[in-house]
Protein backbone atom coordinates (compact mmCIF):
# COMPACT_ATOMS: atom_id res chain seq x y z
CA MET A 1 7.99 -26.28 -0.65
CA THR A 2 5.14 -26.77 1.83
CA ALA A 3 7.01 -28.30 4.71
CA GLY A 4 4.43 -27.67 7.39
CA LEU A 5 1.48 -29.23 5.58
CA ASN A 6 3.45 -32.29 4.47
CA LYS A 7 4.39 -33.30 8.01
CA ASP A 8 2.06 -35.37 10.17
CA LYS A 9 3.54 -34.90 13.61
CA SER A 10 1.91 -36.44 16.67
CA TYR A 11 4.43 -34.97 19.15
CA LYS A 12 4.84 -38.13 21.21
CA GLU A 13 8.18 -36.76 22.42
CA LYS A 14 8.37 -34.34 25.32
CA PRO A 15 8.61 -30.64 24.43
CA ILE A 16 12.14 -29.32 24.14
CA LEU A 17 10.85 -25.99 25.45
CA SER A 18 7.76 -25.18 27.55
CA ILE A 19 6.37 -21.96 28.97
CA ARG A 20 3.73 -21.87 31.69
CA GLY A 21 1.91 -18.75 32.88
CA LEU A 22 4.55 -16.34 31.57
CA THR A 23 3.83 -12.74 32.57
CA LYS A 24 5.91 -9.63 31.91
CA VAL A 25 4.88 -6.14 33.01
CA PHE A 26 6.42 -2.85 31.90
CA PRO A 27 5.36 0.51 33.36
CA GLY A 28 1.69 0.86 32.42
CA VAL A 29 1.71 -2.15 30.08
CA LYS A 30 1.22 -5.88 30.64
CA ALA A 31 3.23 -7.14 27.67
CA LEU A 32 2.61 -10.84 28.47
CA ASP A 33 -0.33 -12.13 30.48
CA GLN A 34 -0.26 -15.78 31.65
CA VAL A 35 1.03 -17.18 28.33
CA ASP A 36 1.51 -20.94 27.80
CA PHE A 37 3.60 -22.23 24.88
CA ASP A 38 5.30 -25.49 23.83
CA LEU A 39 7.98 -26.25 21.24
CA TYR A 40 8.75 -29.83 20.20
CA PRO A 41 11.93 -31.22 18.60
CA GLY A 42 11.70 -30.87 14.83
CA GLU A 43 8.74 -28.49 14.97
CA VAL A 44 8.30 -25.13 13.27
CA HIS A 45 5.98 -23.27 15.64
CA ILE A 46 4.66 -20.06 14.09
CA LEU A 47 4.12 -17.17 16.53
CA VAL A 48 1.81 -14.49 15.16
CA GLY A 49 0.06 -11.32 16.26
CA GLU A 50 0.05 -7.60 15.63
CA ASN A 51 2.91 -5.37 16.71
CA GLY A 52 2.60 -5.05 20.48
CA ALA A 53 0.91 -8.45 20.84
CA GLY A 54 3.84 -9.79 22.87
CA LYS A 55 5.80 -11.88 20.35
CA SER A 56 9.15 -10.14 20.80
CA THR A 57 8.69 -9.89 24.56
CA LEU A 58 8.11 -13.65 24.76
CA SER A 59 11.25 -14.40 22.76
CA LYS A 60 13.31 -11.97 24.84
CA CYS A 61 12.12 -13.64 28.05
CA LEU A 62 13.26 -16.97 26.61
CA LEU A 63 16.66 -15.53 25.75
CA GLY A 64 17.32 -13.78 29.06
CA VAL A 65 17.01 -10.25 27.67
CA TYR A 66 14.04 -9.76 30.01
CA GLN A 67 13.29 -11.55 33.26
CA PRO A 68 9.61 -12.58 33.53
CA ASP A 69 7.59 -11.32 36.49
CA GLU A 70 5.62 -14.55 36.77
CA GLY A 71 5.60 -18.01 35.25
CA GLU A 72 8.11 -20.72 34.45
CA ILE A 73 10.29 -21.73 31.50
CA PHE A 74 11.26 -25.39 31.09
CA TYR A 75 14.12 -26.50 28.82
CA ASP A 76 14.51 -30.25 28.37
CA GLY A 77 12.03 -30.65 31.22
CA GLN A 78 14.11 -28.62 33.67
CA PRO A 79 13.14 -25.14 34.94
CA VAL A 80 15.51 -22.47 33.64
CA ARG A 81 16.05 -18.72 33.87
CA PHE A 82 18.74 -17.32 31.59
CA SER A 83 20.41 -14.16 32.82
CA SER A 84 21.59 -13.10 29.35
CA PRO A 85 21.42 -14.10 25.67
CA ARG A 86 24.94 -15.52 26.07
CA ASP A 87 23.66 -17.96 28.70
CA ALA A 88 20.78 -18.99 26.42
CA LEU A 89 23.17 -19.42 23.50
CA GLN A 90 25.49 -21.62 25.52
CA ALA A 91 22.48 -23.77 26.44
CA GLY A 92 21.58 -24.15 22.77
CA ILE A 93 18.97 -21.43 22.15
CA ALA A 94 19.90 -19.00 19.35
CA ALA A 95 17.98 -16.13 17.80
CA VAL A 96 17.98 -14.08 14.62
CA TYR A 97 16.44 -10.67 15.23
CA GLN A 98 14.71 -8.42 12.73
CA GLU A 99 17.23 -5.67 13.55
CA LEU A 100 20.67 -6.25 12.04
CA THR A 101 23.48 -6.72 14.56
CA MET A 102 26.50 -7.06 12.27
CA ILE A 103 29.54 -4.91 13.11
CA PRO A 104 29.67 -2.77 9.94
CA TRP A 105 33.44 -2.41 9.54
CA LEU A 106 34.20 -6.14 9.90
CA THR A 107 33.94 -8.75 7.14
CA ALA A 108 31.41 -11.58 7.10
CA PRO A 109 33.80 -14.21 8.57
CA GLN A 110 34.95 -11.75 11.25
CA ASN A 111 31.34 -11.05 12.22
CA ILE A 112 30.18 -14.65 12.30
CA PHE A 113 33.11 -15.86 14.41
CA PHE A 114 33.63 -12.68 16.44
CA ASN A 115 35.33 -13.41 19.76
CA ARG A 116 35.56 -17.14 18.97
CA GLU A 117 37.91 -17.15 15.99
CA PRO A 118 39.68 -20.43 15.17
CA ARG A 119 43.39 -20.41 16.00
CA ILE A 120 46.36 -21.85 14.20
CA LYS A 121 47.32 -24.92 16.21
CA GLY A 122 49.84 -24.16 18.92
CA THR A 123 49.71 -20.39 18.37
CA PRO A 124 47.48 -17.45 19.41
CA LEU A 125 47.17 -16.45 15.73
CA ILE A 126 43.77 -16.43 14.04
CA ASP A 127 43.37 -19.09 11.35
CA LYS A 128 41.88 -16.77 8.73
CA LYS A 129 41.76 -19.49 6.07
CA LYS A 130 39.70 -21.84 8.24
CA MET A 131 37.45 -18.99 9.40
CA THR A 132 36.71 -18.06 5.79
CA GLU A 133 36.13 -21.70 4.78
CA ASP A 134 33.75 -22.25 7.70
CA CYS A 135 31.88 -19.06 6.85
CA ARG A 136 31.60 -20.10 3.20
CA ALA A 137 30.27 -23.54 4.20
CA LEU A 138 27.54 -21.94 6.35
CA LEU A 139 26.51 -19.64 3.51
CA GLU A 140 26.53 -22.46 0.97
CA GLY A 141 24.03 -24.25 3.22
CA LEU A 142 21.81 -21.17 2.80
CA HIS A 143 22.50 -20.95 -0.97
CA SER A 144 24.19 -17.59 -0.36
CA SER A 145 27.74 -18.39 -1.45
CA ALA A 146 27.84 -15.32 -3.73
CA ILE A 147 28.18 -12.97 -0.73
CA ASN A 148 31.53 -11.18 -0.83
CA LEU A 149 33.54 -12.35 2.20
CA SER A 150 36.41 -9.90 1.81
CA VAL A 151 34.61 -6.55 2.21
CA PRO A 152 33.21 -4.88 5.34
CA VAL A 153 29.57 -5.87 5.76
CA LYS A 154 28.52 -2.22 5.55
CA LYS A 155 29.17 -2.55 1.82
CA LEU A 156 26.70 -5.45 1.55
CA GLY A 157 22.97 -5.13 0.99
CA VAL A 158 20.42 -5.49 3.78
CA ALA A 159 19.32 -8.91 2.47
CA GLU A 160 22.91 -10.17 2.40
CA GLN A 161 23.43 -9.00 5.97
CA GLN A 162 20.23 -10.80 6.98
CA MET A 163 21.59 -14.06 5.57
CA LEU A 164 24.78 -13.47 7.58
CA GLU A 165 22.69 -13.09 10.74
CA ILE A 166 21.09 -16.48 10.05
CA ALA A 167 24.46 -18.07 9.28
CA LYS A 168 25.90 -16.72 12.53
CA ALA A 169 23.05 -18.23 14.56
CA LEU A 170 23.52 -21.60 12.83
CA SER A 171 27.26 -21.53 13.54
CA PHE A 172 26.43 -22.17 17.22
CA HIS A 173 24.64 -25.44 16.29
CA PRO A 174 21.51 -24.60 18.31
CA ARG A 175 18.80 -27.00 19.45
CA VAL A 176 16.24 -24.17 19.48
CA LEU A 177 16.27 -21.40 16.88
CA ILE A 178 14.13 -18.25 17.11
CA LEU A 179 13.65 -16.48 13.78
CA ASP A 180 12.09 -12.99 14.00
CA GLU A 181 10.98 -11.75 10.55
CA PRO A 182 13.88 -13.53 8.79
CA THR A 183 12.49 -13.01 5.27
CA ALA A 184 11.58 -9.33 5.62
CA THR A 185 14.43 -8.27 3.30
CA LEU A 186 14.80 -11.47 1.27
CA SER A 187 13.72 -12.10 -2.31
CA ALA A 188 11.41 -15.00 -3.18
CA GLN A 189 14.41 -17.06 -4.30
CA GLU A 190 16.33 -16.34 -1.09
CA THR A 191 13.23 -17.16 0.95
CA ASP A 192 12.95 -20.54 -0.80
CA SER A 193 16.58 -21.25 0.08
CA LEU A 194 15.97 -20.35 3.71
CA PHE A 195 12.87 -22.55 3.90
CA ALA A 196 14.78 -25.48 2.43
CA ARG A 197 17.40 -24.97 5.15
CA ILE A 198 14.69 -24.78 7.83
CA GLU A 199 13.31 -28.11 6.64
CA SER A 200 16.74 -29.75 6.93
CA LEU A 201 17.16 -28.30 10.43
CA THR A 202 13.82 -29.69 11.62
CA GLU A 203 14.68 -33.08 10.14
CA ALA A 204 17.73 -32.99 12.41
CA GLY A 205 15.45 -32.41 15.42
CA ILE A 206 15.94 -28.66 15.88
CA GLY A 207 12.89 -26.80 17.16
CA ILE A 208 12.14 -23.46 15.48
CA ILE A 209 10.02 -20.56 16.73
CA TYR A 210 9.14 -18.55 13.64
CA ILE A 211 7.81 -14.98 13.96
CA SER A 212 6.47 -13.37 10.80
CA HIS A 213 3.82 -10.96 9.51
CA ARG A 214 3.71 -12.69 6.10
CA MET A 215 0.68 -14.94 6.09
CA SER A 216 1.76 -16.65 2.88
CA GLU A 217 4.67 -18.18 4.82
CA TYR A 218 2.61 -19.78 7.58
CA ARG A 219 1.19 -22.51 5.41
CA ARG A 220 4.53 -23.26 3.78
CA ILE A 221 6.63 -24.10 6.80
CA GLY A 222 4.51 -24.13 9.96
CA ASP A 223 3.46 -27.20 11.96
CA ARG A 224 1.47 -25.29 14.55
CA ILE A 225 0.43 -21.64 14.94
CA THR A 226 0.04 -19.72 18.20
CA VAL A 227 -1.80 -16.40 18.08
CA LEU A 228 -1.06 -13.65 20.61
CA ARG A 229 -3.20 -10.57 21.07
CA ASP A 230 -2.67 -7.83 23.65
CA GLY A 231 -0.18 -10.01 25.52
CA LYS A 232 -2.49 -13.01 25.84
CA LYS A 233 -2.50 -16.33 24.04
CA VAL A 234 -5.67 -16.46 21.94
CA SER A 235 -5.23 -19.87 20.35
CA THR A 236 -2.81 -22.62 19.34
CA GLU A 237 -3.86 -24.66 16.31
CA LYS A 238 -2.35 -27.23 13.99
CA ASN A 239 -1.41 -25.66 10.68
CA GLY A 240 -4.31 -26.06 8.27
CA ASN A 241 -7.04 -26.03 10.91
CA LEU A 242 -7.64 -22.29 10.49
CA THR A 243 -8.68 -20.50 7.33
CA GLU A 244 -6.87 -17.28 6.49
CA ASP A 245 -10.00 -15.33 7.41
CA GLN A 246 -10.22 -17.05 10.82
CA LEU A 247 -6.53 -16.43 11.51
CA ILE A 248 -6.76 -12.73 10.69
CA HIS A 249 -9.81 -12.41 12.91
CA LEU A 250 -7.94 -14.03 15.81
CA MET A 251 -5.00 -11.69 15.29
CA VAL A 252 -6.69 -8.33 14.79
CA GLY A 253 -10.42 -8.77 15.39
CA ARG A 254 -11.16 -8.03 11.73
CA SER A 255 -12.01 -10.33 8.85
CA LEU A 256 -10.28 -10.97 5.54
CA SER A 257 -12.99 -9.03 3.70
CA GLN A 258 -11.70 -5.88 5.40
CA ILE A 259 -8.14 -6.22 4.06
CA TYR A 260 -7.48 -3.10 2.06
CA GLN A 261 -7.48 -2.87 -1.71
CA LYS A 262 -6.50 0.33 -3.50
CA SER A 263 -9.39 2.34 -4.91
CA PRO A 264 -9.25 3.40 -8.59
CA ASN A 265 -7.79 6.81 -9.30
CA THR A 266 -7.31 9.19 -12.19
CA PHE A 267 -3.92 10.60 -13.17
CA SER A 268 -2.89 13.89 -14.69
CA GLY A 269 0.42 15.31 -15.90
CA GLU A 270 3.84 13.75 -15.58
CA VAL A 271 5.76 14.73 -12.41
CA LEU A 272 8.85 12.55 -12.71
CA ARG A 273 10.77 11.30 -15.72
CA VAL A 274 13.91 9.16 -15.59
CA GLU A 275 15.79 8.75 -18.87
CA GLY A 276 18.60 6.23 -19.43
CA LEU A 277 19.90 6.40 -15.87
CA SER A 278 23.07 4.42 -15.10
CA ASP A 279 25.48 4.35 -12.19
CA ARG A 280 29.26 3.99 -12.14
CA ALA A 281 29.22 0.59 -10.40
CA GLY A 282 27.12 -1.12 -13.07
CA LYS A 283 24.25 -1.88 -10.69
CA VAL A 284 21.88 0.39 -12.64
CA LYS A 285 21.97 0.24 -16.44
CA ASN A 286 20.10 2.55 -18.79
CA CYS A 287 16.88 2.71 -16.73
CA SER A 288 13.91 4.82 -17.80
CA LEU A 289 10.54 5.32 -16.12
CA THR A 290 7.77 7.89 -15.63
CA LEU A 291 5.40 8.82 -12.82
CA LYS A 292 2.18 10.83 -13.10
CA LYS A 293 0.35 12.98 -10.61
CA GLY A 294 -1.88 10.85 -8.36
CA GLU A 295 -0.28 7.57 -9.48
CA ILE A 296 1.34 4.70 -7.58
CA VAL A 297 3.99 3.05 -9.74
CA GLY A 298 5.47 -0.22 -8.49
CA LEU A 299 9.11 -1.16 -8.95
CA SER A 300 9.54 -4.91 -8.56
CA GLY A 301 12.52 -7.24 -8.74
CA LEU A 302 14.69 -9.56 -6.71
CA VAL A 303 16.82 -8.15 -3.92
CA GLY A 304 20.02 -7.06 -5.66
CA SER A 305 18.27 -6.28 -8.95
CA GLY A 306 19.14 -2.58 -8.62
CA ARG A 307 15.84 -1.19 -7.31
CA THR A 308 17.25 0.65 -4.28
CA GLU A 309 20.31 1.78 -6.24
CA LEU A 310 18.00 3.32 -8.85
CA ALA A 311 16.04 5.11 -6.11
CA ARG A 312 19.25 6.50 -4.62
CA LEU A 313 20.25 7.88 -8.03
CA ILE A 314 16.85 9.51 -8.52
CA TYR A 315 16.98 11.10 -5.06
CA GLY A 316 20.57 12.28 -5.50
CA ILE A 317 22.36 10.27 -2.80
CA ASP A 318 24.55 8.76 -5.52
CA ARG A 319 25.70 10.51 -8.68
CA PRO A 320 24.74 8.92 -12.02
CA ALA A 321 27.24 8.06 -14.72
CA ALA A 322 24.68 8.75 -17.44
CA GLY A 323 21.04 9.67 -17.94
CA ARG A 324 18.65 12.34 -16.66
CA VAL A 325 16.25 12.89 -13.75
CA ILE A 326 13.49 15.38 -14.56
CA LEU A 327 11.21 16.69 -11.77
CA HIS A 328 8.19 18.75 -12.75
CA GLY A 329 9.83 19.46 -16.11
CA ARG A 330 13.17 20.57 -14.62
CA ASP A 331 16.40 18.68 -15.26
CA MET A 332 17.68 17.92 -11.75
CA THR A 333 20.06 15.10 -12.56
CA ARG A 334 23.02 16.61 -10.74
CA SER A 335 21.04 18.26 -7.95
CA SER A 336 21.62 17.40 -4.30
CA PRO A 337 19.02 15.58 -2.17
CA LYS A 338 18.22 18.90 -0.44
CA ALA A 339 17.55 20.59 -3.77
CA LYS A 340 15.29 17.71 -4.76
CA VAL A 341 13.44 17.90 -1.45
CA ASP A 342 12.91 21.61 -2.13
CA ALA A 343 11.55 20.60 -5.55
CA GLY A 344 9.07 18.23 -3.91
CA LEU A 345 10.77 14.81 -3.80
CA GLY A 346 10.92 12.68 -0.64
CA PHE A 347 12.60 9.32 -0.03
CA LEU A 348 11.48 6.73 2.54
CA PRO A 349 14.41 4.24 2.68
CA GLU A 350 14.04 0.51 3.28
CA ASP A 351 15.90 0.67 6.59
CA ARG A 352 13.83 3.26 8.43
CA LYS A 353 15.77 2.88 11.69
CA LEU A 354 19.16 3.45 10.08
CA SER A 355 18.40 5.95 7.34
CA GLY A 356 14.80 7.17 7.67
CA LEU A 357 14.77 8.28 11.30
CA THR A 358 16.95 9.52 14.12
CA ILE A 359 15.74 6.63 16.21
CA LYS A 360 17.02 8.01 19.54
CA ALA A 361 15.36 11.40 19.00
CA PRO A 362 11.80 12.35 20.01
CA ILE A 363 8.93 12.06 17.54
CA ASP A 364 8.47 15.83 17.16
CA TRP A 365 12.06 16.42 16.07
CA ASN A 366 11.89 13.59 13.55
CA VAL A 367 8.73 15.08 12.04
CA VAL A 368 10.38 18.45 11.29
CA ALA A 369 13.84 17.03 10.43
CA ALA A 370 13.45 17.55 6.66
CA SER A 371 11.81 20.97 6.90
CA LEU A 372 13.73 22.99 9.51
CA SER A 373 14.41 25.86 7.10
CA LYS A 374 10.70 25.98 6.20
CA TYR A 375 9.41 26.22 9.76
CA PHE A 376 12.39 27.95 11.37
CA PRO A 377 13.89 30.21 8.66
CA HIS A 378 15.84 32.28 11.17
CA LEU A 379 17.35 29.18 12.81
CA TYR A 380 15.51 29.91 16.05
CA LEU A 381 13.96 26.62 17.11
CA SER A 382 10.73 26.87 19.06
CA GLU A 383 9.82 23.76 21.05
CA ARG A 384 6.20 24.92 21.30
CA LYS A 385 5.87 25.32 17.53
CA ASN A 386 7.73 22.07 16.94
CA GLU A 387 5.35 20.25 19.27
CA ALA A 388 2.27 21.75 17.58
CA ILE A 389 3.44 20.74 14.10
CA ALA A 390 4.19 17.19 15.21
CA ARG A 391 0.89 16.85 17.07
CA ASP A 392 -1.04 17.74 13.89
CA TYR A 393 0.65 14.92 11.97
CA VAL A 394 0.39 12.46 14.85
CA ASP A 395 -3.37 13.09 14.87
CA GLU A 396 -3.71 13.02 11.07
CA LEU A 397 -1.77 9.76 10.64
CA LYS A 398 -3.12 8.18 13.85
CA ILE A 399 0.35 7.54 15.25
CA LYS A 400 -0.08 5.65 18.51
CA THR A 401 1.93 7.45 21.18
CA PRO A 402 1.15 9.06 24.55
CA ASP A 403 2.82 12.31 23.43
CA VAL A 404 5.07 13.71 20.70
CA HIS A 405 8.06 13.88 23.05
CA ARG A 406 8.28 10.10 23.28
CA GLN A 407 11.49 8.57 21.85
CA THR A 408 10.86 7.27 18.33
CA GLU A 409 12.56 3.96 19.15
CA ASP A 410 9.73 3.23 21.62
CA LEU A 411 7.14 3.04 18.80
CA SER A 412 6.09 -0.08 16.93
CA GLY A 413 7.43 -0.60 13.40
CA GLY A 414 4.19 0.59 11.79
CA ASN A 415 4.12 3.78 13.84
CA GLN A 416 7.80 4.45 13.12
CA GLN A 417 6.99 4.19 9.41
CA LYS A 418 4.19 6.73 9.89
CA VAL A 419 6.69 9.12 11.51
CA VAL A 420 8.88 8.85 8.39
CA ILE A 421 5.82 9.64 6.24
CA ALA A 422 4.94 12.56 8.53
CA LYS A 423 8.45 13.94 8.05
CA TRP A 424 7.95 14.15 4.30
CA LEU A 425 4.38 15.44 4.50
CA ALA A 426 5.62 18.23 6.77
CA SER A 427 8.14 19.21 4.10
CA ASP A 428 5.40 19.56 1.42
CA THR A 429 6.84 16.89 -0.87
CA ASP A 430 4.43 15.75 -3.56
CA ILE A 431 6.53 12.89 -5.01
CA LEU A 432 7.43 10.08 -2.60
CA ILE A 433 9.74 7.13 -3.13
CA PHE A 434 8.68 4.32 -0.78
CA ASP A 435 11.34 1.60 -0.49
CA GLU A 436 9.74 -1.49 1.15
CA PRO A 437 7.01 0.58 2.90
CA THR A 438 5.55 -2.30 4.96
CA ARG A 439 8.67 -4.33 5.74
CA GLY A 440 8.46 -5.79 9.22
CA ILE A 441 5.05 -4.38 10.19
CA ASP A 442 1.92 -6.33 11.05
CA ILE A 443 -1.22 -6.76 8.98
CA GLY A 444 -3.20 -4.11 10.85
CA ALA A 445 -0.45 -1.51 10.37
CA ARG A 446 -0.12 -2.54 6.72
CA MET A 447 -3.79 -1.76 6.15
CA GLU A 448 -3.28 1.68 7.68
CA ILE A 449 -0.22 2.37 5.50
CA TYR A 450 -2.17 1.28 2.38
CA ARG A 451 -5.08 3.58 3.28
CA LEU A 452 -2.62 6.41 3.82
CA MET A 453 -0.96 5.82 0.44
CA ASP A 454 -4.38 5.83 -1.22
CA ALA A 455 -5.34 9.07 0.55
CA LEU A 456 -2.07 10.72 -0.51
CA THR A 457 -2.61 9.91 -4.19
CA ALA A 458 -6.24 11.08 -3.94
CA GLU A 459 -4.78 14.44 -2.84
CA GLY A 460 -2.61 14.49 -5.98
CA LYS A 461 0.64 13.18 -4.55
CA SER A 462 2.59 10.53 -6.49
CA ILE A 463 4.36 7.42 -5.19
CA LEU A 464 7.14 5.25 -6.62
CA MET A 465 6.88 2.06 -4.53
CA ILE A 466 9.68 -0.50 -4.30
CA SER A 467 8.52 -3.80 -2.82
CA SER A 468 9.57 -7.44 -2.64
CA ASP A 469 6.00 -8.45 -1.78
CA LEU A 470 4.29 -9.31 -5.06
CA SER A 471 0.83 -9.31 -3.49
CA GLU A 472 1.48 -5.76 -2.28
CA VAL A 473 2.79 -4.63 -5.64
CA ILE A 474 -0.19 -6.09 -7.51
CA SER A 475 -2.84 -4.73 -5.14
CA MET A 476 -1.41 -1.22 -4.69
CA SER A 477 0.21 -0.29 -8.03
CA ASP A 478 -1.50 1.49 -10.89
CA ARG A 479 1.40 0.62 -13.17
CA LEU A 480 4.48 -1.52 -12.70
CA TYR A 481 8.11 -1.78 -13.80
CA VAL A 482 10.12 -4.99 -13.35
CA MET A 483 13.89 -4.83 -12.78
CA ARG A 484 16.45 -7.55 -13.26
CA GLU A 485 20.25 -7.35 -13.11
CA GLY A 486 20.21 -3.55 -13.02
CA GLN A 487 17.84 -3.05 -15.94
CA ILE A 488 14.15 -2.30 -16.31
CA ILE A 489 13.03 -5.19 -18.48
CA SER A 490 9.27 -4.68 -18.53
CA GLU A 491 6.53 -2.11 -17.98
CA MET A 492 3.06 -3.47 -17.16
CA GLN A 493 -0.38 -1.85 -16.98
CA LYS A 494 -2.86 -2.73 -14.23
CA ASP A 495 -4.86 -5.13 -16.39
CA GLU A 496 -1.67 -7.03 -17.28
CA PHE A 497 -0.65 -7.79 -13.68
CA SER A 498 -0.09 -11.46 -12.93
CA MET A 499 1.95 -12.91 -10.08
CA GLU A 500 3.19 -15.71 -12.34
CA ARG A 501 4.19 -13.33 -15.14
CA ILE A 502 5.96 -10.89 -12.81
CA GLY A 503 7.80 -13.79 -11.16
CA GLN A 504 8.91 -15.11 -14.53
CA LEU A 505 10.23 -11.70 -15.56
CA MET A 506 12.14 -11.30 -12.29
CA LEU A 507 13.80 -14.71 -12.52
CA ALA A 508 14.16 -15.53 -16.23
CA ASP A 509 17.41 -15.30 -18.16
CA ARG A 510 17.53 -12.25 -20.40
CA SER A 511 17.75 -14.48 -23.42
CA ASN A 512 14.26 -15.79 -22.68
CA ASN A 513 12.83 -12.31 -23.01
CA GLN A 514 14.26 -11.32 -26.31
């Protein structure tokens, strides 16, 4: 679907939402500087820029999370200032954030209709049947009816929870919908379903502000594109008026020719071998793979294909039902994650804020979190030593922060990911599992992460990279495995890589591959 390019909109109607001269200042930072922006009924307006460009600040000013210092917001031609997201929601402006907000111990219906549950007529009792039916109808509209509605959402995958976030926003029947990185955890198939839903929403006159770092999506669904850089509006253009090279240059001041491609590398002995690995839940079935020193091996597949579950088995978070994990020639199948870290294996999970970092802790303590016994064997923690260790990695990885004592949650997504990498470098791991290493980070930060991965393998470290981004997998992998329905169904060498072929393997029925 290429919704944006197939629409010829003249915007004769008045904007549903207008911003004039919006300015927001935080201590030492002007996050927004005299920004103008319009959204028309039925429009998908793409908002792009690097992390820190002001995209999230703009959306939070619209929603009442922040109050602007200067400027005006007009909704239906009338000046407005929302004091909270609840006020914005009641007015018809809903948002889906990149960070998940589901209450983990509640089910999907309970989350979507939290604090506004339907009642059995004439009683204060919750109408659970209607609540479930309404939830199912919302998910069917997103082609996500397979989501289990009876279990706590903490038992669902990140992609399933993301679809629930979208369904919850739609349950309020908004006139304006803000989508912040909605496809970051979705498979290609799930993304297609979301885009089809977006097209039906715009046909009904809903205006959509779409924030994304995935350039491939802009052309598919956007009507216009606004570029922010350093808090200022650089340009607003009709979709199709800018080449990809021009758009990148507006965003980051660099051209497409500078986008990073992995340099060739040589590989030596095998450092990781997985033989016939299976889990007890049936999500991983008889999987085998190898990884050599200095190699980046990609692991591709749809969300739910078993990629993350396989990584958890390798790392030791979950216990396998069958198979072996061999690190540097040692059988460590039943070893704990700590034992595997000691043997040189590190794991960067897909949800860095939940599992990869202690987000409320300072940078320096996150850097040494996996190597306390190495640096402080007598359990005497030295803040001076801790600070020195962290500063070395902050300098080496070019983590943008005023000092190492800054809270990790204050960093951009790309810099948070670098802190996770620093944690494992500090622990002397030489095998790294990267699960969605660039999810939710901008193109400039992606380039830095790619350069870092290349430098690590040049030093002899090895990377198993799980990614839903086929362009990333193809450009960064030396070798590739494709997973489907819990099984590894193909191994591909670099010269065999093809986006079409990989896509076919991910989606095809097993019978087509026999």
